[in-house]
Amino acid sequence: MDSNKVVLRASLQGMLSKLLKLILFTLVALTFWRRIRGFQQRIFDTYDVSYLSALTNAMETDIEIMEMVLLAGSYLAALAVLILLIYLFGKILSLLFALTGVTVIDFDQQRITEKRFVFPFQRIEDESMFHQIIQVRIDQTLLDRLAGGGNLYVEYLVLSKLDSQLRVLDLPFMKHPEKLKKKLI
């Protein structure tokens, strides 16, 4: 690797705070799921009915009206929690897909090359010219600082024949962003 190239990759250490937050939400949702299923199972065992027959053959059972309403509400709550769990698993997978991203900043050729995959099937490859890096900003939460990770925002200048522009490159989930900032400026 040339000394004038900086290779930036997302790391698990850099995304630790967001990953822990999603895992915590998933565990809370799983706890709700188990509570709902426990309530439903208690009613099924008490009245000797199955999952579907409790609602489809309600008149043939000894289930009281209030428990029938609570059981129907528990079905809706279970559906909502199931949708939430599917959403959270999708978010975790898309977060882990961010680990495939690679950004190369080549100071000799004044190019920034980004290659990454976006969950589930999209591939992005972007190459831009730059004249100068103006600013590098680090964004960290408390857990990011403790784990040694964070996000980098690189502001760079693009010159053309007609005008100049400032552009921003967002680099999430970087490991040791302070060291990377020193390399970039």
Protein backbone atom coordinates (compact mmCIF):
# COMPACT_ATOMS: atom_id res chain seq x y z
CA MET A 1 0.00 0.00 0.00
CA ASP A 2 1.33 3.42 -0.90
CA SER A 3 2.01 5.86 1.90
CA ASN A 4 -0.21 8.46 0.23
CA LYS A 5 -3.30 6.24 0.31
CA VAL A 6 -5.55 5.95 3.31
CA VAL A 7 -7.82 2.89 3.40
CA LEU A 8 -10.86 3.28 5.63
CA ARG A 9 -13.01 0.28 6.58
CA ALA A 10 -16.01 0.03 8.84
CA SER A 11 -15.34 -2.11 11.90
CA LEU A 12 -17.39 -4.03 14.41
CA GLN A 13 -15.73 -2.04 17.17
CA GLY A 14 -16.92 1.17 15.51
CA MET A 15 -20.55 0.04 15.37
CA LEU A 16 -20.64 -1.47 18.84
CA SER A 17 -22.96 1.14 20.37
CA LYS A 18 -25.56 0.90 17.61
CA LEU A 19 -25.34 -2.89 17.52
CA LEU A 20 -25.76 -3.15 21.31
CA LYS A 21 -28.78 -0.83 21.17
CA LEU A 22 -30.45 -2.97 18.49
CA ILE A 23 -29.65 -6.18 20.38
CA LEU A 24 -31.09 -4.67 23.58
CA PHE A 25 -34.32 -3.71 21.75
CA THR A 26 -34.47 -7.23 20.30
CA LEU A 27 -34.10 -8.78 23.77
CA VAL A 28 -36.86 -6.53 25.14
CA ALA A 29 -39.13 -7.49 22.23
CA LEU A 30 -38.35 -11.18 22.81
CA THR A 31 -39.25 -10.73 26.49
CA PHE A 32 -42.60 -9.25 25.49
CA TRP A 33 -43.10 -12.13 23.04
CA ARG A 34 -42.47 -14.70 25.78
CA ARG A 35 -44.84 -12.90 28.18
CA ILE A 36 -47.61 -12.79 25.58
CA ARG A 37 -47.12 -16.44 24.67
CA GLY A 38 -47.10 -17.37 28.38
CA PHE A 39 -50.43 -15.59 28.88
CA GLN A 40 -51.90 -17.32 25.82
CA GLN A 41 -50.60 -20.71 26.94
CA ARG A 42 -52.12 -20.25 30.40
CA ILE A 43 -55.54 -19.62 28.84
CA PHE A 44 -55.11 -22.58 26.47
CA ASP A 45 -54.25 -24.90 29.36
CA THR A 46 -57.02 -23.56 31.60
CA TYR A 47 -59.79 -24.02 29.03
CA ASP A 48 -58.25 -26.92 27.10
CA VAL A 49 -58.25 -25.18 23.69
CA SER A 50 -55.66 -24.75 20.95
CA TYR A 51 -54.22 -21.61 19.38
CA LEU A 52 -56.79 -21.30 16.58
CA SER A 53 -59.81 -22.97 18.16
CA ALA A 54 -59.83 -20.42 21.00
CA LEU A 55 -61.08 -17.81 18.54
CA THR A 56 -62.73 -19.85 15.79
CA ASN A 57 -64.82 -22.06 18.11
CA ALA A 58 -65.25 -19.59 20.95
CA MET A 59 -68.89 -20.47 21.57
CA GLU A 60 -68.06 -24.14 22.12
CA THR A 61 -65.59 -23.37 24.92
CA ASP A 62 -65.97 -22.19 28.51
CA ILE A 63 -63.85 -19.06 27.95
CA GLU A 64 -65.35 -15.96 29.53
CA ILE A 65 -65.97 -12.88 27.39
CA MET A 66 -63.32 -10.79 29.15
CA GLU A 67 -60.68 -13.48 28.69
CA MET A 68 -61.75 -13.82 25.05
CA VAL A 69 -61.19 -10.09 24.54
CA LEU A 70 -57.81 -10.30 26.30
CA LEU A 71 -56.87 -13.30 24.17
CA ALA A 72 -57.81 -11.45 20.97
CA GLY A 73 -55.77 -8.47 22.18
CA SER A 74 -52.85 -10.77 22.90
CA TYR A 75 -53.04 -12.04 19.31
CA LEU A 76 -52.78 -8.45 18.06
CA ALA A 77 -49.94 -7.71 20.48
CA ALA A 78 -48.11 -10.87 19.39
CA LEU A 79 -48.49 -9.81 15.75
CA ALA A 80 -47.11 -6.34 16.55
CA VAL A 81 -44.15 -7.82 18.45
CA LEU A 82 -43.48 -10.27 15.61
CA ILE A 83 -43.41 -7.41 13.09
CA LEU A 84 -41.08 -5.49 15.41
CA LEU A 85 -38.75 -8.51 15.71
CA ILE A 86 -38.60 -8.93 11.93
CA TYR A 87 -37.83 -5.21 11.59
CA LEU A 88 -35.08 -5.38 14.24
CA PHE A 89 -33.46 -8.45 12.65
CA GLY A 90 -33.48 -6.63 9.31
CA LYS A 91 -31.84 -3.59 10.91
CA ILE A 92 -29.16 -5.78 12.51
CA LEU A 93 -28.43 -7.47 9.18
CA SER A 94 -28.24 -4.15 7.34
CA LEU A 95 -25.93 -2.85 10.06
CA LEU A 96 -23.64 -5.86 9.66
CA PHE A 97 -23.67 -5.33 5.88
CA ALA A 98 -22.04 -1.94 6.54
CA LEU A 99 -18.87 -3.87 7.43
CA THR A 100 -18.31 -4.55 3.73
CA GLY A 101 -17.67 -0.88 2.96
CA VAL A 102 -14.19 0.26 1.92
CA THR A 103 -13.18 3.86 1.21
CA VAL A 104 -9.78 4.68 -0.27
CA ILE A 105 -8.49 8.25 -0.24
CA ASP A 106 -5.57 8.56 -2.66
CA PHE A 107 -3.69 11.81 -2.11
CA ASP A 108 -1.35 11.28 -5.10
CA GLN A 109 -4.13 11.02 -7.68
CA GLN A 110 -6.54 13.14 -5.61
CA ARG A 111 -9.31 10.53 -5.75
CA ILE A 112 -11.80 9.19 -3.25
CA THR A 113 -13.08 5.70 -4.06
CA GLU A 114 -16.01 4.19 -2.17
CA LYS A 115 -17.07 0.55 -2.52
CA ARG A 116 -19.85 -0.89 -0.39
CA PHE A 117 -22.80 -3.22 -0.38
CA VAL A 118 -26.19 -2.09 0.90
CA PHE A 119 -28.48 -4.70 2.39
CA PRO A 120 -29.69 -6.84 0.73
CA PHE A 121 -28.71 -6.64 -2.96
CA GLN A 122 -27.38 -3.21 -3.87
CA ARG A 123 -23.73 -2.52 -4.67
CA ILE A 124 -22.42 1.04 -4.70
CA GLU A 125 -19.10 2.04 -6.22
CA ASP A 126 -18.37 5.76 -6.27
CA GLU A 127 -15.22 7.58 -7.36
CA SER A 128 -14.70 11.33 -7.07
CA MET A 129 -11.90 13.77 -7.55
CA PHE A 130 -10.94 16.20 -4.81
CA HIS A 131 -8.56 19.08 -4.50
CA GLN A 132 -8.09 19.35 -0.77
CA ILE A 133 -9.53 17.99 2.46
CA ILE A 134 -10.90 20.93 4.40
CA GLN A 135 -12.22 19.43 7.62
CA VAL A 136 -12.54 16.07 9.37
CA ARG A 137 -15.15 15.81 12.12
CA ILE A 138 -15.57 12.94 14.58
CA ASP A 139 -19.00 11.98 15.93
CA GLN A 140 -18.99 9.66 18.95
CA THR A 141 -21.41 8.59 21.63
CA LEU A 142 -20.21 7.68 25.11
CA LEU A 143 -20.19 3.98 24.27
CA ASP A 144 -18.32 4.73 21.02
CA ARG A 145 -15.62 6.55 22.99
CA LEU A 146 -15.31 3.68 25.45
CA ALA A 147 -15.05 1.13 22.61
CA GLY A 148 -12.71 3.26 20.50
CA GLY A 149 -15.07 3.77 17.57
CA GLY A 150 -17.11 6.48 15.93
CA ASN A 151 -18.16 8.18 12.71
CA LEU A 152 -15.99 10.42 10.54
CA TYR A 153 -17.31 13.26 8.41
CA VAL A 154 -14.78 14.42 5.83
CA GLU A 155 -15.39 17.76 4.13
CA TYR A 156 -13.40 18.18 0.94
CA LEU A 157 -13.06 20.71 -1.87
CA VAL A 158 -13.86 19.82 -5.47
CA LEU A 159 -12.59 22.18 -8.17
CA SER A 160 -13.92 22.31 -11.70
CA LYS A 161 -13.40 24.69 -14.61
CA LEU A 162 -16.48 26.71 -13.70
CA ASP A 163 -16.67 26.70 -9.92
CA SER A 164 -15.75 24.91 -6.72
CA GLN A 165 -17.88 22.88 -4.32
CA LEU A 166 -17.60 21.61 -0.80
CA ARG A 167 -18.69 17.99 -0.42
CA VAL A 168 -19.07 15.77 2.61
CA LEU A 169 -18.08 12.12 2.87
CA ASP A 170 -19.82 10.20 5.64
CA LEU A 171 -17.73 7.32 7.01
CA PRO A 172 -19.68 5.45 9.68
CA PHE A 173 -18.38 2.89 12.18
CA MET A 174 -14.66 3.70 12.06
CA LYS A 175 -12.20 2.16 14.49
CA HIS A 176 -9.99 4.73 16.28
CA PRO A 177 -11.30 7.80 14.42
CA GLU A 178 -8.76 10.10 16.14
CA LYS A 179 -5.87 8.28 14.45
CA LEU A 180 -7.65 8.38 11.11
CA LYS A 181 -8.28 12.10 11.48
CA LYS A 182 -4.56 12.70 11.95
CA LYS A 183 -3.82 10.69 8.79
CA LEU A 184 -6.33 12.65 6.74
CA ILE A 185 -5.37 16.19 7.73
